[in-house]
Amino acid sequence: MKKLFFALFLSISMMAGAQSNTETITSFLDGVISFQEVEVNDHNPIITVGELATQQADETLTLTGDNVSETFEKAMDYTHALIVVGIHTAVLVTNWEDCAQSGAWGVCMPMGEGFVKRDALEKESGYINNIIGIPDNQDRKVFLFN
């Protein structure tokens, strides 16, 4: 019986320490996007990220296979570049110099980290082409912040 109570206590303690999706995404984008006085969609906070980034970014560009070189060249002049794909992926570029050539995109893709909404919000890091996918008809926005 003691083992049962101990196991129950341990599982409750672990669940209490877990961050909500809202806490995860607001912590990740602290200093980039302001979440003050905003109700974040906790089930899919990337929806809220896209809405806030649209309002708060210094510049917004649409990323396509045809304009990726020009978009990245412009983005390098800003402090933060956030790429949002649809309502499921948000990625911050972390290092423009560390990049890997992408056959699909035709450019050197920089390092980044972010989150993809699958069943849960999953952290991803690496070259951004591996996070944002291949050029297709998905809506990809690049939000630039000073």
N, C-alpha and C. Protein backbone atom coordinates (compact mmCIF):
# COMPACT_ATOMS: atom_id res chain seq x y z
N MET A 1 0.82 -1.19 0.00
CA MET A 1 0.00 0.00 0.00
C MET A 1 0.87 1.27 0.00
N LYS A 2 1.96 1.20 0.77
CA LYS A 2 2.86 2.35 0.82
C LYS A 2 3.45 2.64 -0.56
N LYS A 3 3.76 1.57 -1.29
CA LYS A 3 4.33 1.73 -2.63
C LYS A 3 3.33 2.41 -3.56
N LEU A 4 2.06 2.07 -3.43
CA LEU A 4 1.01 2.67 -4.25
C LEU A 4 0.91 4.16 -3.98
N PHE A 5 0.89 4.54 -2.71
CA PHE A 5 0.81 5.97 -2.36
C PHE A 5 2.05 6.72 -2.82
N PHE A 6 3.22 6.10 -2.68
CA PHE A 6 4.45 6.73 -3.12
C PHE A 6 4.43 6.95 -4.64
N ALA A 7 4.00 5.95 -5.39
CA ALA A 7 3.91 6.08 -6.85
C ALA A 7 2.92 7.16 -7.24
N LEU A 8 1.79 7.23 -6.56
CA LEU A 8 0.78 8.25 -6.82
C LEU A 8 1.34 9.64 -6.51
N PHE A 9 2.01 9.78 -5.39
CA PHE A 9 2.61 11.06 -5.01
C PHE A 9 3.65 11.49 -6.03
N LEU A 10 4.48 10.55 -6.46
CA LEU A 10 5.53 10.86 -7.43
C LEU A 10 4.96 11.31 -8.76
N SER A 11 3.92 10.63 -9.24
CA SER A 11 3.33 11.02 -10.52
C SER A 11 2.63 12.37 -10.44
N ILE A 12 1.98 12.67 -9.33
CA ILE A 12 1.33 13.98 -9.15
C ILE A 12 2.39 15.08 -9.10
N SER A 13 3.49 14.82 -8.42
CA SER A 13 4.57 15.81 -8.33
C SER A 13 5.17 16.11 -9.69
N MET A 14 5.34 15.08 -10.51
CA MET A 14 5.91 15.28 -11.84
C MET A 14 4.95 16.06 -12.72
N MET A 15 3.66 15.78 -12.62
CA MET A 15 2.68 16.50 -13.44
C MET A 15 2.59 17.96 -13.02
N ALA A 16 2.70 18.24 -11.74
CA ALA A 16 2.60 19.61 -11.25
C ALA A 16 3.78 20.45 -11.73
N GLY A 17 4.94 19.82 -11.96
CA GLY A 17 6.12 20.54 -12.40
C GLY A 17 6.16 20.79 -13.89
N ALA A 18 5.31 20.14 -14.66
CA ALA A 18 5.32 20.30 -16.11
C ALA A 18 4.75 21.66 -16.50
N GLN A 19 5.33 22.26 -17.53
CA GLN A 19 4.86 23.55 -18.01
C GLN A 19 3.67 23.35 -18.94
N SER A 20 2.78 24.33 -18.91
CA SER A 20 1.68 24.33 -19.89
C SER A 20 2.24 24.79 -21.22
N ASN A 21 1.47 24.57 -22.29
CA ASN A 21 1.89 25.05 -23.61
C ASN A 21 2.10 26.56 -23.59
N THR A 22 1.22 27.26 -22.90
CA THR A 22 1.33 28.73 -22.80
C THR A 22 2.63 29.13 -22.13
N GLU A 23 2.96 28.50 -21.01
CA GLU A 23 4.20 28.82 -20.30
C GLU A 23 5.42 28.50 -21.17
N THR A 24 5.36 27.40 -21.87
CA THR A 24 6.47 26.98 -22.73
C THR A 24 6.73 28.01 -23.83
N ILE A 25 5.69 28.40 -24.54
CA ILE A 25 5.87 29.29 -25.69
C ILE A 25 6.17 30.73 -25.24
N THR A 26 5.57 31.19 -24.15
CA THR A 26 5.87 32.55 -23.69
C THR A 26 7.29 32.64 -23.16
N SER A 27 7.76 31.60 -22.52
CA SER A 27 9.14 31.58 -22.04
C SER A 27 10.11 31.55 -23.22
N PHE A 28 9.80 30.74 -24.23
CA PHE A 28 10.64 30.62 -25.42
C PHE A 28 10.76 31.96 -26.17
N LEU A 29 9.67 32.69 -26.27
CA LEU A 29 9.67 33.94 -27.05
C LEU A 29 9.81 35.19 -26.19
N ASP A 30 10.21 35.02 -24.93
CA ASP A 30 10.43 36.16 -24.05
C ASP A 30 11.50 37.07 -24.65
N GLY A 31 11.19 38.35 -24.73
CA GLY A 31 12.13 39.31 -25.32
C GLY A 31 11.94 39.50 -26.81
N VAL A 32 11.09 38.67 -27.41
CA VAL A 32 10.80 38.80 -28.84
C VAL A 32 9.37 39.30 -29.03
N ILE A 33 8.43 38.60 -28.41
CA ILE A 33 7.00 38.95 -28.50
C ILE A 33 6.48 39.24 -27.10
N SER A 34 5.64 40.25 -26.98
CA SER A 34 5.00 40.57 -25.71
C SER A 34 3.66 39.84 -25.63
N PHE A 35 3.48 39.09 -24.55
CA PHE A 35 2.24 38.36 -24.32
C PHE A 35 1.40 39.03 -23.23
N GLN A 36 1.74 40.28 -22.86
CA GLN A 36 1.03 40.97 -21.78
C GLN A 36 -0.43 41.18 -22.14
N GLU A 37 -1.28 40.88 -21.18
CA GLU A 37 -2.73 41.09 -21.29
C GLU A 37 -3.33 40.40 -22.51
N VAL A 38 -2.80 39.22 -22.85
CA VAL A 38 -3.31 38.45 -23.98
C VAL A 38 -3.68 37.06 -23.48
N GLU A 39 -4.81 36.58 -23.92
CA GLU A 39 -5.18 35.21 -23.59
C GLU A 39 -4.62 34.30 -24.69
N VAL A 40 -3.69 33.44 -24.29
CA VAL A 40 -3.01 32.56 -25.23
C VAL A 40 -3.84 31.27 -25.38
N ASN A 41 -3.97 30.83 -26.62
CA ASN A 41 -4.64 29.56 -26.90
C ASN A 41 -3.73 28.45 -26.38
N ASP A 42 -4.04 27.88 -25.21
CA ASP A 42 -3.14 26.91 -24.60
C ASP A 42 -3.12 25.59 -25.37
N HIS A 43 -4.20 25.24 -26.03
CA HIS A 43 -4.21 24.00 -26.82
C HIS A 43 -3.24 24.12 -28.00
N ASN A 44 -3.23 25.28 -28.66
CA ASN A 44 -2.31 25.52 -29.77
C ASN A 44 -1.82 26.97 -29.71
N PRO A 45 -0.80 27.23 -28.90
CA PRO A 45 -0.32 28.61 -28.73
C PRO A 45 0.31 29.20 -29.98
N ILE A 46 0.62 28.39 -30.97
CA ILE A 46 1.22 28.92 -32.20
C ILE A 46 0.23 29.80 -32.95
N ILE A 47 -1.06 29.54 -32.77
CA ILE A 47 -2.08 30.43 -33.34
C ILE A 47 -1.91 31.83 -32.76
N THR A 48 -1.78 31.91 -31.44
CA THR A 48 -1.60 33.20 -30.78
C THR A 48 -0.28 33.84 -31.17
N VAL A 49 0.78 33.05 -31.29
CA VAL A 49 2.09 33.57 -31.70
C VAL A 49 1.98 34.25 -33.05
N GLY A 50 1.32 33.62 -34.01
CA GLY A 50 1.16 34.21 -35.34
C GLY A 50 0.39 35.51 -35.30
N GLU A 51 -0.67 35.56 -34.49
CA GLU A 51 -1.47 36.78 -34.38
C GLU A 51 -0.66 37.92 -33.76
N LEU A 52 0.05 37.62 -32.67
CA LEU A 52 0.84 38.65 -31.99
C LEU A 52 2.03 39.10 -32.84
N ALA A 53 2.68 38.16 -33.50
CA ALA A 53 3.82 38.51 -34.35
C ALA A 53 3.37 39.43 -35.49
N THR A 54 2.20 39.19 -36.04
CA THR A 54 1.66 40.05 -37.10
C THR A 54 1.51 41.49 -36.60
N GLN A 55 1.10 41.64 -35.36
CA GLN A 55 0.89 42.98 -34.78
C GLN A 55 2.19 43.64 -34.32
N GLN A 56 3.16 42.84 -33.86
CA GLN A 56 4.33 43.40 -33.19
C GLN A 56 5.61 43.43 -34.02
N ALA A 57 5.68 42.69 -35.09
CA ALA A 57 6.92 42.61 -35.88
C ALA A 57 7.22 43.95 -36.55
N ASP A 58 8.50 44.23 -36.70
CA ASP A 58 8.92 45.42 -37.42
C ASP A 58 8.72 45.25 -38.92
N GLU A 59 8.80 44.01 -39.38
CA GLU A 59 8.56 43.72 -40.79
C GLU A 59 8.09 42.28 -40.90
N THR A 60 7.20 42.03 -41.85
CA THR A 60 6.68 40.69 -42.10
C THR A 60 6.86 40.35 -43.57
N LEU A 61 7.41 39.17 -43.82
CA LEU A 61 7.64 38.71 -45.19
C LEU A 61 7.02 37.32 -45.35
N THR A 62 6.60 37.01 -46.55
CA THR A 62 6.15 35.66 -46.86
C THR A 62 7.33 34.90 -47.43
N LEU A 63 7.59 33.71 -46.89
CA LEU A 63 8.72 32.91 -47.33
C LEU A 63 8.26 31.87 -48.36
N THR A 64 8.89 31.91 -49.52
CA THR A 64 8.62 30.93 -50.57
C THR A 64 9.94 30.40 -51.10
N GLY A 65 9.86 29.36 -51.89
CA GLY A 65 11.06 28.83 -52.52
C GLY A 65 11.70 29.83 -53.48
N ASP A 66 10.88 30.70 -54.04
CA ASP A 66 11.39 31.69 -55.01
C ASP A 66 12.08 32.88 -54.36
N ASN A 67 11.70 33.23 -53.11
CA ASN A 67 12.26 34.44 -52.51
C ASN A 67 13.11 34.18 -51.27
N VAL A 68 13.48 32.93 -51.04
CA VAL A 68 14.19 32.58 -49.81
C VAL A 68 15.52 33.33 -49.67
N SER A 69 16.28 33.47 -50.73
CA SER A 69 17.58 34.17 -50.64
C SER A 69 17.40 35.62 -50.23
N GLU A 70 16.49 36.33 -50.90
CA GLU A 70 16.25 37.74 -50.59
C GLU A 70 15.67 37.90 -49.17
N THR A 71 14.79 36.99 -48.79
CA THR A 71 14.17 37.06 -47.46
C THR A 71 15.23 36.89 -46.38
N PHE A 72 16.10 35.90 -46.52
CA PHE A 72 17.13 35.67 -45.52
C PHE A 72 18.14 36.81 -45.49
N GLU A 73 18.48 37.36 -46.64
CA GLU A 73 19.41 38.48 -46.69
C GLU A 73 18.87 39.67 -45.89
N LYS A 74 17.59 39.94 -46.05
CA LYS A 74 16.95 41.03 -45.31
C LYS A 74 16.85 40.68 -43.82
N ALA A 75 16.52 39.44 -43.51
CA ALA A 75 16.32 39.02 -42.12
C ALA A 75 17.59 39.12 -41.29
N MET A 76 18.75 38.97 -41.93
CA MET A 76 20.02 39.04 -41.20
C MET A 76 20.28 40.42 -40.61
N ASP A 77 19.58 41.44 -41.08
CA ASP A 77 19.75 42.79 -40.56
C ASP A 77 18.96 43.03 -39.29
N TYR A 78 18.17 42.07 -38.85
CA TYR A 78 17.31 42.22 -37.67
C TYR A 78 17.85 41.39 -36.51
N THR A 79 17.42 41.76 -35.31
CA THR A 79 17.85 41.06 -34.10
C THR A 79 17.25 39.67 -34.04
N HIS A 80 15.96 39.54 -34.36
CA HIS A 80 15.27 38.25 -34.28
C HIS A 80 14.51 37.99 -35.57
N ALA A 81 14.57 36.74 -36.04
CA ALA A 81 13.77 36.29 -37.18
C ALA A 81 12.96 35.08 -36.70
N LEU A 82 11.66 35.24 -36.72
CA LEU A 82 10.72 34.19 -36.31
C LEU A 82 9.96 33.72 -37.54
N ILE A 83 10.00 32.42 -37.79
CA ILE A 83 9.27 31.86 -38.92
C ILE A 83 8.10 31.06 -38.37
N VAL A 84 6.91 31.38 -38.87
CA VAL A 84 5.71 30.65 -38.47
C VAL A 84 5.15 29.97 -39.71
N VAL A 85 4.96 28.66 -39.60
CA VAL A 85 4.39 27.87 -40.70
C VAL A 85 2.97 27.48 -40.31
N GLY A 86 2.01 28.01 -41.08
CA GLY A 86 0.61 27.71 -40.79
C GLY A 86 0.26 28.02 -39.35
N ILE A 87 -0.41 27.08 -38.71
CA ILE A 87 -0.74 27.23 -37.30
C ILE A 87 -0.09 26.12 -36.47
N HIS A 88 1.02 25.57 -37.02
CA HIS A 88 1.60 24.42 -36.34
C HIS A 88 3.09 24.52 -36.02
N THR A 89 3.80 25.50 -36.55
CA THR A 89 5.25 25.56 -36.34
C THR A 89 5.71 26.99 -36.11
N ALA A 90 6.56 27.18 -35.10
CA ALA A 90 7.19 28.48 -34.84
C ALA A 90 8.67 28.23 -34.57
N VAL A 91 9.54 28.91 -35.35
CA VAL A 91 10.98 28.69 -35.27
C VAL A 91 11.71 30.03 -35.22
N LEU A 92 12.62 30.17 -34.27
CA LEU A 92 13.52 31.32 -34.22
C LEU A 92 14.85 30.93 -34.85
N VAL A 93 15.36 31.76 -35.75
CA VAL A 93 16.69 31.53 -36.29
C VAL A 93 17.68 31.86 -35.18
N THR A 94 18.60 30.93 -34.92
CA THR A 94 19.56 31.12 -33.83
C THR A 94 20.98 31.41 -34.31
N ASN A 95 21.30 31.02 -35.57
CA ASN A 95 22.65 31.23 -36.06
C ASN A 95 22.64 31.24 -37.58
N TRP A 96 22.86 32.42 -38.14
CA TRP A 96 22.87 32.55 -39.60
C TRP A 96 24.13 31.95 -40.21
N GLU A 97 25.28 31.99 -39.49
CA GLU A 97 26.54 31.51 -40.05
C GLU A 97 26.61 29.99 -40.10
N ASP A 98 26.03 29.33 -39.11
CA ASP A 98 26.02 27.86 -39.09
C ASP A 98 24.82 27.42 -39.93
N CYS A 99 25.11 27.02 -41.16
CA CYS A 99 24.02 26.66 -42.06
C CYS A 99 24.39 25.43 -42.88
N ALA A 100 23.37 24.81 -43.44
CA ALA A 100 23.57 23.63 -44.28
C ALA A 100 22.81 23.83 -45.59
N GLN A 101 23.49 23.52 -46.69
CA GLN A 101 22.87 23.66 -48.00
C GLN A 101 21.65 22.76 -48.10
N SER A 102 20.55 23.33 -48.57
CA SER A 102 19.31 22.58 -48.76
C SER A 102 19.04 22.43 -50.25
N GLY A 103 18.88 21.19 -50.68
CA GLY A 103 18.55 20.97 -52.08
C GLY A 103 17.15 21.46 -52.41
N ALA A 104 16.22 21.27 -51.48
CA ALA A 104 14.83 21.69 -51.72
C ALA A 104 14.70 23.21 -51.78
N TRP A 105 15.35 23.91 -50.87
CA TRP A 105 15.25 25.37 -50.81
C TRP A 105 16.27 26.06 -51.71
N GLY A 106 17.38 25.38 -52.03
CA GLY A 106 18.39 25.95 -52.91
C GLY A 106 19.27 26.99 -52.26
N VAL A 107 19.27 27.04 -50.93
CA VAL A 107 20.12 27.98 -50.19
C VAL A 107 20.67 27.27 -48.96
N CYS A 108 21.59 27.95 -48.30
CA CYS A 108 22.12 27.46 -47.04
C CYS A 108 21.12 27.82 -45.93
N MET A 109 20.57 26.81 -45.27
CA MET A 109 19.55 27.03 -44.24
C MET A 109 20.19 27.13 -42.87
N PRO A 110 19.90 28.22 -42.12
CA PRO A 110 20.53 28.46 -40.83
C PRO A 110 19.99 27.56 -39.73
N MET A 111 20.68 27.60 -38.60
CA MET A 111 20.25 26.87 -37.40
C MET A 111 19.08 27.61 -36.76
N GLY A 112 18.23 26.85 -36.12
CA GLY A 112 17.11 27.44 -35.41
C GLY A 112 16.57 26.50 -34.37
N GLU A 113 15.65 27.03 -33.59
CA GLU A 113 14.95 26.20 -32.61
C GLU A 113 13.54 26.72 -32.47
N GLY A 114 12.67 25.82 -32.13
CA GLY A 114 11.28 26.22 -31.99
C GLY A 114 10.40 25.07 -31.58
N PHE A 115 9.12 25.19 -31.93
CA PHE A 115 8.13 24.20 -31.52
C PHE A 115 7.22 23.85 -32.69
N VAL A 116 6.86 22.57 -32.74
CA VAL A 116 5.90 22.07 -33.70
C VAL A 116 4.74 21.50 -32.91
N LYS A 117 3.53 21.89 -33.31
CA LYS A 117 2.33 21.38 -32.65
C LYS A 117 1.90 20.10 -33.35
N ARG A 118 2.08 19.02 -32.68
CA ARG A 118 1.57 17.73 -33.14
C ARG A 118 0.47 17.38 -32.15
N ASP A 119 0.49 16.20 -31.56
CA ASP A 119 -0.46 15.94 -30.48
C ASP A 119 -0.15 16.86 -29.31
N ALA A 120 1.14 17.06 -29.09
CA ALA A 120 1.62 17.96 -28.04
C ALA A 120 2.53 18.99 -28.71
N LEU A 121 2.92 19.99 -27.96
CA LEU A 121 3.87 20.98 -28.44
C LEU A 121 5.26 20.37 -28.29
N GLU A 122 5.95 20.12 -29.41
CA GLU A 122 7.24 19.44 -29.37
C GLU A 122 8.37 20.38 -29.76
N LYS A 123 9.42 20.39 -28.92
CA LYS A 123 10.58 21.24 -29.19
C LYS A 123 11.41 20.62 -30.30
N GLU A 124 11.86 21.48 -31.21
CA GLU A 124 12.71 21.07 -32.33
C GLU A 124 13.89 22.02 -32.42
N SER A 125 15.04 21.50 -32.81
CA SER A 125 16.19 22.36 -33.07
C SER A 125 17.05 21.71 -34.14
N GLY A 126 17.76 22.56 -34.87
CA GLY A 126 18.60 22.08 -35.96
C GLY A 126 18.51 23.04 -37.13
N TYR A 127 18.93 22.59 -38.29
CA TYR A 127 18.82 23.44 -39.48
C TYR A 127 17.34 23.60 -39.79
N ILE A 128 16.94 24.85 -40.06
CA ILE A 128 15.50 25.14 -40.11
C ILE A 128 14.74 24.44 -41.22
N ASN A 129 15.43 24.03 -42.29
CA ASN A 129 14.71 23.29 -43.33
C ASN A 129 14.15 21.99 -42.79
N ASN A 130 14.80 21.42 -41.77
CA ASN A 130 14.31 20.20 -41.15
C ASN A 130 13.13 20.46 -40.21
N ILE A 131 12.87 21.72 -39.92
CA ILE A 131 11.76 22.08 -39.04
C ILE A 131 10.60 22.67 -39.84
N ILE A 132 10.90 23.52 -40.82
CA ILE A 132 9.82 24.19 -41.56
C ILE A 132 9.37 23.42 -42.80
N GLY A 133 10.10 22.36 -43.15
CA GLY A 133 9.69 21.54 -44.29
C GLY A 133 10.23 22.05 -45.62
N ILE A 134 9.68 21.49 -46.68
CA ILE A 134 10.11 21.85 -48.04
C ILE A 134 9.20 22.94 -48.60
N PRO A 135 9.68 23.68 -49.60
CA PRO A 135 8.82 24.71 -50.20
C PRO A 135 7.57 24.07 -50.81
N ASP A 136 6.44 24.53 -50.37
CA ASP A 136 5.17 24.06 -50.90
C ASP A 136 4.13 25.15 -50.71
N ASN A 137 2.87 24.81 -50.74
CA ASN A 137 1.84 25.84 -50.66
C ASN A 137 1.45 26.23 -49.24
N GLN A 138 2.17 25.74 -48.22
CA GLN A 138 1.88 26.16 -46.85
C GLN A 138 2.25 27.63 -46.68
N ASP A 139 1.52 28.30 -45.81
CA ASP A 139 1.78 29.71 -45.53
C ASP A 139 2.94 29.80 -44.55
N ARG A 140 4.06 30.39 -45.00
CA ARG A 140 5.23 30.59 -44.16
C ARG A 140 5.49 32.08 -44.05
N LYS A 141 5.40 32.60 -42.85
CA LYS A 141 5.66 34.02 -42.60
C LYS A 141 6.95 34.17 -41.82
N VAL A 142 7.74 35.16 -42.21
CA VAL A 142 8.95 35.51 -41.49
C VAL A 142 8.68 36.84 -40.81
N PHE A 143 8.73 36.84 -39.49
CA PHE A 143 8.50 38.05 -38.71
C PHE A 143 9.84 38.54 -38.20
N LEU A 144 10.15 39.80 -38.51
CA LEU A 144 11.44 40.37 -38.17
C LEU A 144 11.28 41.39 -37.07
N PHE A 145 12.17 41.29 -36.06
CA PHE A 145 12.10 42.15 -34.88
C PHE A 145 13.47 42.77 -34.62
N ASN A 146 13.47 44.06 -34.30
CA ASN A 146 14.71 44.73 -33.88
C ASN A 146 14.87 44.64 -32.40
